Amino acid sequence: MKKLLLGTVGLAALAVPALAADMGVVRRPVAYVAATNWTGCYVGGDVGDSWGTHDGYSATGATTQVTSGVPVPAGTPISASFNNMSGFTGGFYGGCNYQVGVWVFGVEGEWSNVNNEGQSFEFTPPRPLGTLWVDSAKERWFVTARGRLGYAVDKWLLYATGGAAWTKIDGSEFLLTNAATATLQSDHRTGWTVGAGVEYALPYGWLIRSEYLYMQFDSYNTFTSGPFGTAAFSNQSTGKLTNNIWRAGLAYKFDFYGKGIPTVVK
């Protein structure tokens, strides 16, 4: 009995300091490592739809009818707007991300083919009544260089994006009943783009996404160099060109920076 009593007292004596120490010391925060690592570089491809508007063509101070040399007053509308430009888009993209806690910072570039096209009959005047002259614009491709800011929720990444954009536009003017009258010119324009998207991390480094972009290219002069078709108008001005793009993409991420990412203290 005496030995049992001494043993109990001894255990109690050991437990009291430990309990007191535990009560008097503030626990250090435990670092939580996010389940999905968004840090790394990736390459992929996407497909989707594109639709937008083109403000049509109008005269500048240098616009003349090629055959007659008759000038057209600046600002005179030559064609209506192309409000139903639409088509398919598909291309390739790549970029790099760096994750800090739940925030993901990134850069991305792309090249995409597009076949948006719009056209409209020219107004009368300046055309003689009864003639069927047509103006058109076709987008061939666009390139973007963008920054990205994302918010990671485990396997999901919600992000906003924006930056510079470039496109190739083929303009044409022709008499509907005589293709030999056509005037053609390709122009490369610089604009800007903004958008947003959502990305999901699949197993083995694959990423899928859904993304929307808005692009705008401001007015420019076209039909500035020959050869010009018969009775064509030279030196026309266009209004702004806009694009709305939705696409789905699939990419593969390379973990160049290793498996670890900055931790979130909880």
C-alpha atoms as a PDB file:
ATOM      1  CA  MET A   1       0.000   0.000   0.000  1.00  0.00           C
ATOM      2  CA  LYS A   2       2.818   2.325   0.890  1.00  0.00           C
ATOM      3  CA  LYS A   3       4.583   1.633  -2.459  1.00  0.00           C
ATOM      4  CA  LEU A   4       1.354   2.297  -4.394  1.00  0.00           C
ATOM      5  CA  LEU A   5       0.873   5.604  -2.626  1.00  0.00           C
ATOM      6  CA  LEU A   6       4.446   6.708  -3.345  1.00  0.00           C
ATOM      7  CA  GLY A   7       4.061   5.789  -7.041  1.00  0.00           C
ATOM      8  CA  THR A   8       0.859   7.790  -7.409  1.00  0.00           C
ATOM      9  CA  VAL A   9       2.434  10.841  -5.777  1.00  0.00           C
ATOM     10  CA  GLY A  10       5.435  10.569  -8.096  1.00  0.00           C
ATOM     11  CA  LEU A  11       3.289  10.455 -11.248  1.00  0.00           C
ATOM     12  CA  ALA A  12       1.302  13.434 -10.069  1.00  0.00           C
ATOM     13  CA  ALA A  13       4.500  15.383  -9.454  1.00  0.00           C
ATOM     14  CA  LEU A  14       5.664  14.700 -13.012  1.00  0.00           C
ATOM     15  CA  ALA A  15       2.289  15.615 -14.559  1.00  0.00           C
ATOM     16  CA  VAL A  16       1.872  18.992 -12.806  1.00  0.00           C
ATOM     17  CA  PRO A  17       4.920  20.748 -14.414  1.00  0.00           C
ATOM     18  CA  ALA A  18       4.053  19.373 -17.827  1.00  0.00           C
ATOM     19  CA  LEU A  19       0.474  20.607 -17.515  1.00  0.00           C
ATOM     20  CA  ALA A  20       1.618  23.984 -16.283  1.00  0.00           C
ATOM     21  CA  ALA A  21       4.090  24.305 -19.157  1.00  0.00           C
ATOM     22  CA  ASP A  22       1.425  23.370 -21.653  1.00  0.00           C
ATOM     23  CA  MET A  23      -0.966  25.976 -20.259  1.00  0.00           C
ATOM     24  CA  GLY A  24       1.638  28.722 -20.236  1.00  0.00           C
ATOM     25  CA  VAL A  25       3.073  28.345 -23.757  1.00  0.00           C
ATOM     26  CA  VAL A  26       1.314  29.681 -26.891  1.00  0.00           C
ATOM     27  CA  ARG A  27       1.272  27.076 -29.644  1.00  0.00           C
ATOM     28  CA  ARG A  28       3.014  28.002 -32.905  1.00  0.00           C
ATOM     29  CA  PRO A  29       0.750  28.146 -36.009  1.00  0.00           C
ATOM     30  CA  VAL A  30       0.668  25.015 -38.086  1.00  0.00           C
ATOM     31  CA  ALA A  31       1.583  25.557 -41.715  1.00  0.00           C
ATOM     32  CA  TYR A  32      -1.014  24.239 -44.143  1.00  0.00           C
ATOM     33  CA  VAL A  33       0.206  23.157 -47.564  1.00  0.00           C
ATOM     34  CA  ALA A  34      -2.396  23.526 -50.313  1.00  0.00           C
ATOM     35  CA  ALA A  35      -3.390  20.211 -51.873  1.00  0.00           C
ATOM     36  CA  THR A  36      -2.825  21.438 -55.462  1.00  0.00           C
ATOM     37  CA  ASN A  37       0.409  23.020 -56.647  1.00  0.00           C
ATOM     38  CA  TRP A  38      -0.221  25.667 -59.336  1.00  0.00           C
ATOM     39  CA  THR A  39       3.419  26.735 -59.603  1.00  0.00           C
ATOM     40  CA  GLY A  40       4.973  25.706 -62.904  1.00  0.00           C
ATOM     41  CA  CYS A  41       4.863  26.203 -66.666  1.00  0.00           C
ATOM     42  CA  TYR A  42       2.355  24.730 -69.113  1.00  0.00           C
ATOM     43  CA  VAL A  43       1.530  24.364 -72.811  1.00  0.00           C
ATOM     44  CA  GLY A  44      -1.767  23.475 -74.397  1.00  0.00           C
ATOM     45  CA  GLY A  45      -4.383  24.018 -77.078  1.00  0.00           C
ATOM     46  CA  ASP A  46      -7.914  25.399 -77.229  1.00  0.00           C
ATOM     47  CA  VAL A  47     -10.981  25.616 -79.479  1.00  0.00           C
ATOM     48  CA  GLY A  48     -14.046  27.817 -79.320  1.00  0.00           C
ATOM     49  CA  ASP A  49     -16.313  30.448 -80.859  1.00  0.00           C
ATOM     50  CA  SER A  50     -15.603  34.064 -81.806  1.00  0.00           C
ATOM     51  CA  TRP A  51     -18.121  36.814 -82.556  1.00  0.00           C
ATOM     52  CA  GLY A  52     -17.859  40.566 -82.859  1.00  0.00           C
ATOM     53  CA  THR A  53     -18.394  43.739 -84.863  1.00  0.00           C
ATOM     54  CA  HIS A  54     -16.540  45.898 -87.397  1.00  0.00           C
ATOM     55  CA  ASP A  55     -17.584  49.544 -87.798  1.00  0.00           C
ATOM     56  CA  GLY A  56     -17.341  49.407 -91.595  1.00  0.00           C
ATOM     57  CA  TYR A  57     -15.548  51.782 -93.942  1.00  0.00           C
ATOM     58  CA  SER A  58     -15.661  55.560 -94.345  1.00  0.00           C
ATOM     59  CA  ALA A  59     -13.794  58.224 -96.289  1.00  0.00           C
ATOM     60  CA  THR A  60     -10.718  60.057 -95.097  1.00  0.00           C
ATOM     61  CA  GLY A  61      -9.387  63.342 -96.393  1.00  0.00           C
ATOM     62  CA  ALA A  62      -7.355  61.346 -98.954  1.00  0.00           C
ATOM     63  CA  THR A  63     -10.145  59.079-100.248  1.00  0.00           C
ATOM     64  CA  THR A  64     -10.722  59.193-104.013  1.00  0.00           C
ATOM     65  CA  GLN A  65     -12.394  57.034-106.616  1.00  0.00           C
ATOM     66  CA  VAL A  66      -9.464  55.461-108.448  1.00  0.00           C
ATOM     67  CA  THR A  67     -10.894  55.531-111.994  1.00  0.00           C
ATOM     68  CA  SER A  68     -12.136  59.120-111.994  1.00  0.00           C
ATOM     69  CA  GLY A  69      -9.903  60.629-109.308  1.00  0.00           C
ATOM     70  CA  VAL A  70     -12.965  62.290-107.767  1.00  0.00           C
ATOM     71  CA  PRO A  71     -12.410  62.887-104.033  1.00  0.00           C
ATOM     72  CA  VAL A  72     -14.927  61.785-101.412  1.00  0.00           C
ATOM     73  CA  PRO A  73     -15.487  64.204 -98.487  1.00  0.00           C
ATOM     74  CA  ALA A  74     -13.833  63.085 -95.255  1.00  0.00           C
ATOM     75  CA  GLY A  75     -16.160  61.244 -92.911  1.00  0.00           C
ATOM     76  CA  THR A  76     -18.559  60.100 -95.654  1.00  0.00           C
ATOM     77  CA  PRO A  77     -19.791  56.586 -94.796  1.00  0.00           C
ATOM     78  CA  ILE A  78     -18.905  54.107 -97.534  1.00  0.00           C
ATOM     79  CA  SER A  79     -20.390  50.953 -95.980  1.00  0.00           C
ATOM     80  CA  ALA A  80     -22.514  49.980 -93.009  1.00  0.00           C
ATOM     81  CA  SER A  81     -21.124  48.243 -89.937  1.00  0.00           C
ATOM     82  CA  PHE A  82     -20.549  44.487 -89.973  1.00  0.00           C
ATOM     83  CA  ASN A  83     -22.492  43.486 -86.879  1.00  0.00           C
ATOM     84  CA  ASN A  84     -22.580  39.740 -87.395  1.00  0.00           C
ATOM     85  CA  MET A  85     -18.917  38.787 -87.669  1.00  0.00           C
ATOM     86  CA  SER A  86     -18.560  35.300 -86.239  1.00  0.00           C
ATOM     87  CA  GLY A  87     -16.559  32.143 -86.700  1.00  0.00           C
ATOM     88  CA  PHE A  88     -14.446  29.365 -85.268  1.00  0.00           C
ATOM     89  CA  THR A  89     -11.206  29.861 -83.355  1.00  0.00           C
ATOM     90  CA  GLY A  90      -8.513  27.410 -82.322  1.00  0.00           C
ATOM     91  CA  GLY A  91      -4.865  27.612 -81.389  1.00  0.00           C
ATOM     92  CA  PHE A  92      -2.052  27.041 -78.913  1.00  0.00           C
ATOM     93  CA  TYR A  93      -1.089  28.720 -75.653  1.00  0.00           C
ATOM     94  CA  GLY A  94       1.572  28.505 -72.968  1.00  0.00           C
ATOM     95  CA  GLY A  95       2.626  30.265 -69.804  1.00  0.00           C
ATOM     96  CA  CYS A  96       4.023  30.067 -66.291  1.00  0.00           C
ATOM     97  CA  ASN A  97       2.459  30.452 -62.831  1.00  0.00           C
ATOM     98  CA  TYR A  98       3.839  31.137 -59.371  1.00  0.00           C
ATOM     99  CA  GLN A  99       1.687  30.499 -56.311  1.00  0.00           C
ATOM    100  CA  VAL A 100       1.870  32.481 -53.059  1.00  0.00           C
ATOM    101  CA  GLY A 101      -0.663  31.100 -50.637  1.00  0.00           C
ATOM    102  CA  VAL A 102      -4.017  31.110 -52.399  1.00  0.00           C
ATOM    103  CA  TRP A 103      -2.876  33.706 -54.971  1.00  0.00           C
ATOM    104  CA  VAL A 104      -1.461  32.634 -58.335  1.00  0.00           C
ATOM    105  CA  PHE A 105       0.512  35.085 -60.492  1.00  0.00           C
ATOM    106  CA  GLY A 106       1.190  34.226 -64.118  1.00  0.00           C
ATOM    107  CA  VAL A 107       2.032  35.247 -67.670  1.00  0.00           C
ATOM    108  CA  GLU A 108       0.638  33.681 -70.830  1.00  0.00           C
ATOM    109  CA  GLY A 109       1.029  33.951 -74.602  1.00  0.00           C
ATOM    110  CA  GLU A 110      -0.934  32.417 -77.469  1.00  0.00           C
ATOM    111  CA  TRP A 111      -1.448  32.160 -81.216  1.00  0.00           C
ATOM    112  CA  SER A 112      -4.940  31.398 -82.541  1.00  0.00           C
ATOM    113  CA  ASN A 113      -6.462  30.967 -85.970  1.00  0.00           C
ATOM    114  CA  VAL A 114      -9.822  32.681 -86.535  1.00  0.00           C
ATOM    115  CA  ASN A 115     -12.195  32.974 -89.493  1.00  0.00           C
ATOM    116  CA  ASN A 116     -14.481  35.856 -88.491  1.00  0.00           C
ATOM    117  CA  GLU A 117     -15.913  37.579 -91.560  1.00  0.00           C
ATOM    118  CA  GLY A 118     -18.347  40.412 -92.172  1.00  0.00           C
ATOM    119  CA  GLN A 119     -19.508  42.293 -95.253  1.00  0.00           C
ATOM    120  CA  SER A 120     -21.938  44.978 -96.352  1.00  0.00           C
ATOM    121  CA  PHE A 121     -23.067  46.709 -99.537  1.00  0.00           C
ATOM    122  CA  GLU A 122     -21.631  50.163-100.097  1.00  0.00           C
ATOM    123  CA  PHE A 123     -23.953  53.135 -99.682  1.00  0.00           C
ATOM    124  CA  THR A 124     -25.454  55.126-102.581  1.00  0.00           C
ATOM    125  CA  PRO A 125     -24.094  57.774-102.618  1.00  0.00           C
ATOM    126  CA  PRO A 126     -21.117  57.656-102.945  1.00  0.00           C
ATOM    127  CA  ARG A 127     -21.930  54.794-105.339  1.00  0.00           C
ATOM    128  CA  PRO A 128     -24.300  55.302-108.286  1.00  0.00           C
ATOM    129  CA  LEU A 129     -27.793  53.984-107.621  1.00  0.00           C
ATOM    130  CA  GLY A 130     -28.193  50.362-108.652  1.00  0.00           C
ATOM    131  CA  THR A 131     -24.538  49.264-108.391  1.00  0.00           C
ATOM    132  CA  LEU A 132     -23.790  46.355-106.062  1.00  0.00           C
ATOM    133  CA  TRP A 133     -20.387  47.125-104.558  1.00  0.00           C
ATOM    134  CA  VAL A 134     -19.453  45.138-101.459  1.00  0.00           C
ATOM    135  CA  ASP A 135     -16.952  45.834 -98.669  1.00  0.00           C
ATOM    136  CA  SER A 136     -15.756  43.020 -96.433  1.00  0.00           C
ATOM    137  CA  ALA A 137     -13.309  42.276 -93.627  1.00  0.00           C
ATOM    138  CA  LYS A 138     -11.886  38.884 -92.625  1.00  0.00           C
ATOM    139  CA  GLU A 139      -9.820  38.132 -89.518  1.00  0.00           C
ATOM    140  CA  ARG A 140      -7.129  35.517 -90.105  1.00  0.00           C
ATOM    141  CA  TRP A 141      -5.364  35.100 -86.753  1.00  0.00           C
ATOM    142  CA  PHE A 142      -4.689  36.816 -83.454  1.00  0.00           C
ATOM    143  CA  VAL A 143      -1.873  36.744 -80.908  1.00  0.00           C
ATOM    144  CA  THR A 144      -2.013  37.851 -77.264  1.00  0.00           C
ATOM    145  CA  ALA A 145       0.518  38.429 -74.472  1.00  0.00           C
ATOM    146  CA  ARG A 146      -1.239  38.642 -71.111  1.00  0.00           C
ATOM    147  CA  GLY A 147      -0.769  38.697 -67.373  1.00  0.00           C
ATOM    148  CA  ARG A 148      -2.921  36.546 -65.077  1.00  0.00           C
ATOM    149  CA  LEU A 149      -4.042  36.858 -61.466  1.00  0.00           C
ATOM    150  CA  GLY A 150      -5.737  33.827 -59.987  1.00  0.00           C
ATOM    151  CA  TYR A 151      -7.352  32.655 -56.749  1.00  0.00           C
ATOM    152  CA  ALA A 152      -6.777  28.978 -55.998  1.00  0.00           C
ATOM    153  CA  VAL A 153      -9.370  26.807 -54.249  1.00  0.00           C
ATOM    154  CA  ASP A 154      -7.590  23.453 -54.142  1.00  0.00           C
ATOM    155  CA  LYS A 155      -8.020  21.979 -57.644  1.00  0.00           C
ATOM    156  CA  TRP A 156      -9.906  25.044 -58.942  1.00  0.00           C
ATOM    157  CA  LEU A 157      -8.297  28.278 -60.153  1.00  0.00           C
ATOM    158  CA  LEU A 158     -10.412  31.368 -60.816  1.00  0.00           C
ATOM    159  CA  TYR A 159      -8.485  34.024 -62.722  1.00  0.00           C
ATOM    160  CA  ALA A 160      -8.617  37.397 -64.472  1.00  0.00           C
ATOM    161  CA  THR A 161      -6.360  38.178 -67.414  1.00  0.00           C
ATOM    162  CA  GLY A 162      -5.424  41.090 -69.666  1.00  0.00           C
ATOM    163  CA  GLY A 163      -2.757  42.458 -71.976  1.00  0.00           C
ATOM    164  CA  ALA A 164      -1.858  43.246 -75.584  1.00  0.00           C
ATOM    165  CA  ALA A 165      -3.348  41.697 -78.732  1.00  0.00           C
ATOM    166  CA  TRP A 166      -2.378  41.603 -82.416  1.00  0.00           C
ATOM    167  CA  THR A 167      -4.424  40.505 -85.423  1.00  0.00           C
ATOM    168  CA  LYS A 168      -4.297  40.176 -89.220  1.00  0.00           C
ATOM    169  CA  ILE A 169      -7.291  41.572 -91.133  1.00  0.00           C
ATOM    170  CA  ASP A 170      -7.893  41.075 -94.864  1.00  0.00           C
ATOM    171  CA  GLY A 171     -10.031  43.880 -96.328  1.00  0.00           C
ATOM    172  CA  SER A 172     -11.678  43.750 -99.744  1.00  0.00           C
ATOM    173  CA  GLU A 173     -13.864  45.923-101.978  1.00  0.00           C
ATOM    174  CA  PHE A 174     -15.456  44.473-105.125  1.00  0.00           C
ATOM    175  CA  LEU A 175     -18.327  44.703-107.550  1.00  0.00           C
ATOM    176  CA  LEU A 176     -20.653  41.787-106.885  1.00  0.00           C
ATOM    177  CA  THR A 177     -21.140  41.067-110.581  1.00  0.00           C
ATOM    178  CA  ASN A 178     -17.462  41.353-111.544  1.00  0.00           C
ATOM    179  CA  ALA A 179     -14.743  39.857-109.317  1.00  0.00           C
ATOM    180  CA  ALA A 180     -12.057  41.505-111.476  1.00  0.00           C
ATOM    181  CA  THR A 181     -12.893  44.800-109.804  1.00  0.00           C
ATOM    182  CA  ALA A 182     -11.626  43.606-106.419  1.00  0.00           C
ATOM    183  CA  THR A 183      -9.218  45.582-104.276  1.00  0.00           C
ATOM    184  CA  LEU A 184      -7.500  43.574-101.519  1.00  0.00           C
ATOM    185  CA  GLN A 185      -5.221  44.545 -98.661  1.00  0.00           C
ATOM    186  CA  SER A 186      -3.935  42.831 -95.512  1.00  0.00           C
ATOM    187  CA  ASP A 187      -3.370  44.875 -92.356  1.00  0.00           C
ATOM    188  CA  HIS A 188      -1.778  43.945 -89.029  1.00  0.00           C
ATOM    189  CA  ARG A 189      -3.264  45.768 -86.064  1.00  0.00           C
ATOM    190  CA  THR A 190      -2.370  46.127 -82.363  1.00  0.00           C
ATOM    191  CA  GLY A 191      -5.041  46.272 -79.668  1.00  0.00           C
ATOM    192  CA  TRP A 192      -5.830  45.094 -76.156  1.00  0.00           C
ATOM    193  CA  THR A 193      -7.709  42.309 -74.433  1.00  0.00           C
ATOM    194  CA  VAL A 194      -9.240  41.492 -71.042  1.00  0.00           C
ATOM    195  CA  GLY A 195     -11.017  38.410 -69.808  1.00  0.00           C
ATOM    196  CA  ALA A 196     -11.573  35.807 -67.129  1.00  0.00           C
ATOM    197  CA  GLY A 197     -11.666  32.051 -66.776  1.00  0.00           C
ATOM    198  CA  VAL A 198     -11.720  29.008 -64.568  1.00  0.00           C
ATOM    199  CA  GLU A 199      -9.182  26.176 -64.587  1.00  0.00           C
ATOM    200  CA  TYR A 200      -9.310  22.713 -63.032  1.00  0.00           C
ATOM    201  CA  ALA A 201      -6.329  20.494 -62.190  1.00  0.00           C
ATOM    202  CA  LEU A 202      -6.677  16.903 -63.396  1.00  0.00           C
ATOM    203  CA  PRO A 203      -4.363  14.062 -62.294  1.00  0.00           C
ATOM    204  CA  TYR A 204      -0.857  13.651 -63.758  1.00  0.00           C
ATOM    205  CA  GLY A 205      -0.303  17.347 -64.497  1.00  0.00           C
ATOM    206  CA  TRP A 206      -3.196  17.973 -66.916  1.00  0.00           C
ATOM    207  CA  LEU A 207      -5.243  21.187 -66.718  1.00  0.00           C
ATOM    208  CA  ILE A 208      -8.607  21.966 -68.328  1.00  0.00           C
ATOM    209  CA  ARG A 209     -10.081  25.445 -68.643  1.00  0.00           C
ATOM    210  CA  SER A 210     -12.992  27.540 -69.820  1.00  0.00           C
ATOM    211  CA  GLU A 211     -12.127  31.131 -70.789  1.00  0.00           C
ATOM    212  CA  TYR A 212     -13.733  34.312 -72.126  1.00  0.00           C
ATOM    213  CA  LEU A 213     -11.780  37.173 -73.776  1.00  0.00           C
ATOM    214  CA  TYR A 214     -12.848  40.563 -75.094  1.00  0.00           C
ATOM    215  CA  MET A 215     -10.569  42.177 -77.718  1.00  0.00           C
ATOM    216  CA  GLN A 216     -10.607  45.614 -79.290  1.00  0.00           C
ATOM    217  CA  PHE A 217      -8.643  47.067 -82.200  1.00  0.00           C
ATOM    218  CA  ASP A 218      -9.060  50.753 -82.962  1.00  0.00           C
ATOM    219  CA  SER A 219      -9.660  52.417 -86.336  1.00  0.00           C
ATOM    220  CA  TYR A 220      -7.024  52.339 -89.089  1.00  0.00           C
ATOM    221  CA  ASN A 221      -6.590  53.263 -92.754  1.00  0.00           C
ATOM    222  CA  THR A 222      -6.654  50.594 -95.443  1.00  0.00           C
ATOM    223  CA  PHE A 223      -6.658  50.282 -99.254  1.00  0.00           C
ATOM    224  CA  THR A 224      -3.635  52.559 -99.141  1.00  0.00           C
ATOM    225  CA  SER A 225      -1.608  50.764-101.824  1.00  0.00           C
ATOM    226  CA  GLY A 226      -2.488  49.182-105.167  1.00  0.00           C
ATOM    227  CA  PRO A 227      -3.269  47.462-107.296  1.00  0.00           C
ATOM    228  CA  PHE A 228      -6.783  48.907-107.093  1.00  0.00           C
ATOM    229  CA  GLY A 229      -9.782  47.479-108.883  1.00  0.00           C
ATOM    230  CA  THR A 230     -11.703  49.568-111.384  1.00  0.00           C
ATOM    231  CA  ALA A 231     -13.775  52.299-109.686  1.00  0.00           C
ATOM    232  CA  ALA A 232     -12.532  51.321-106.225  1.00  0.00           C
ATOM    233  CA  PHE A 233     -12.160  53.833-103.394  1.00  0.00           C
ATOM    234  CA  SER A 234      -8.583  54.230-102.132  1.00  0.00           C
ATOM    235  CA  ASN A 235      -7.473  55.299 -98.642  1.00  0.00           C
ATOM    236  CA  GLN A 236     -10.521  54.277 -96.672  1.00  0.00           C
ATOM    237  CA  SER A 237     -10.789  54.350 -92.887  1.00  0.00           C
ATOM    238  CA  THR A 238     -12.302  51.657 -90.695  1.00  0.00           C
ATOM    239  CA  GLY A 239     -13.863  52.006 -87.284  1.00  0.00           C
ATOM    240  CA  LYS A 240     -12.960  49.795 -84.354  1.00  0.00           C
ATOM    241  CA  LEU A 241     -13.031  46.017 -84.513  1.00  0.00           C
ATOM    242  CA  THR A 242     -14.211  44.012 -81.482  1.00  0.00           C
ATOM    243  CA  ASN A 243     -14.055  40.313 -80.660  1.00  0.00           C
ATOM    244  CA  ASN A 244     -15.803  38.201 -78.052  1.00  0.00           C
ATOM    245  CA  ILE A 245     -14.151  34.830 -77.618  1.00  0.00           C
ATOM    246  CA  TRP A 246     -15.174  31.796 -75.619  1.00  0.00           C
ATOM    247  CA  ARG A 247     -13.040  28.664 -75.726  1.00  0.00           C
ATOM    248  CA  ALA A 248     -12.177  25.475 -73.880  1.00  0.00           C
ATOM    249  CA  GLY A 249      -8.566  24.383 -73.426  1.00  0.00           C
ATOM    250  CA  LEU A 250      -6.435  21.459 -72.326  1.00  0.00           C
ATOM    251  CA  ALA A 251      -2.819  21.904 -71.164  1.00  0.00           C
ATOM    252  CA  TYR A 252      -0.007  19.973 -69.528  1.00  0.00           C
ATOM    253  CA  LYS A 253       1.895  21.535 -66.602  1.00  0.00           C
ATOM    254  CA  PHE A 254       5.618  20.957 -66.054  1.00  0.00           C
ATOM    255  CA  ASP A 255       6.784  21.201 -62.419  1.00  0.00           C
ATOM    256  CA  PHE A 256      10.042  23.008 -63.150  1.00  0.00           C
ATOM    257  CA  TYR A 257       9.974  24.549 -59.677  1.00  0.00           C
ATOM    258  CA  GLY A 258       9.536  21.325 -57.759  1.00  0.00           C
ATOM    259  CA  LYS A 259       6.628  20.003 -55.781  1.00  0.00           C
ATOM    260  CA  GLY A 260       6.679  22.471 -52.921  1.00  0.00           C
ATOM    261  CA  ILE A 261       4.751  25.730 -52.884  1.00  0.00           C
ATOM    262  CA  PRO A 262       4.595  28.565 -50.364  1.00  0.00           C
ATOM    263  CA  THR A 263       2.470  27.571 -47.378  1.00  0.00           C
ATOM    264  CA  VAL A 264      -0.559  29.184 -45.842  1.00  0.00           C
ATOM    265  CA  VAL A 265      -0.397  29.614 -42.059  1.00  0.00           C
ATOM    266  CA  LYS A 266      -3.617  28.664 -40.348  1.00  0.00           C
END
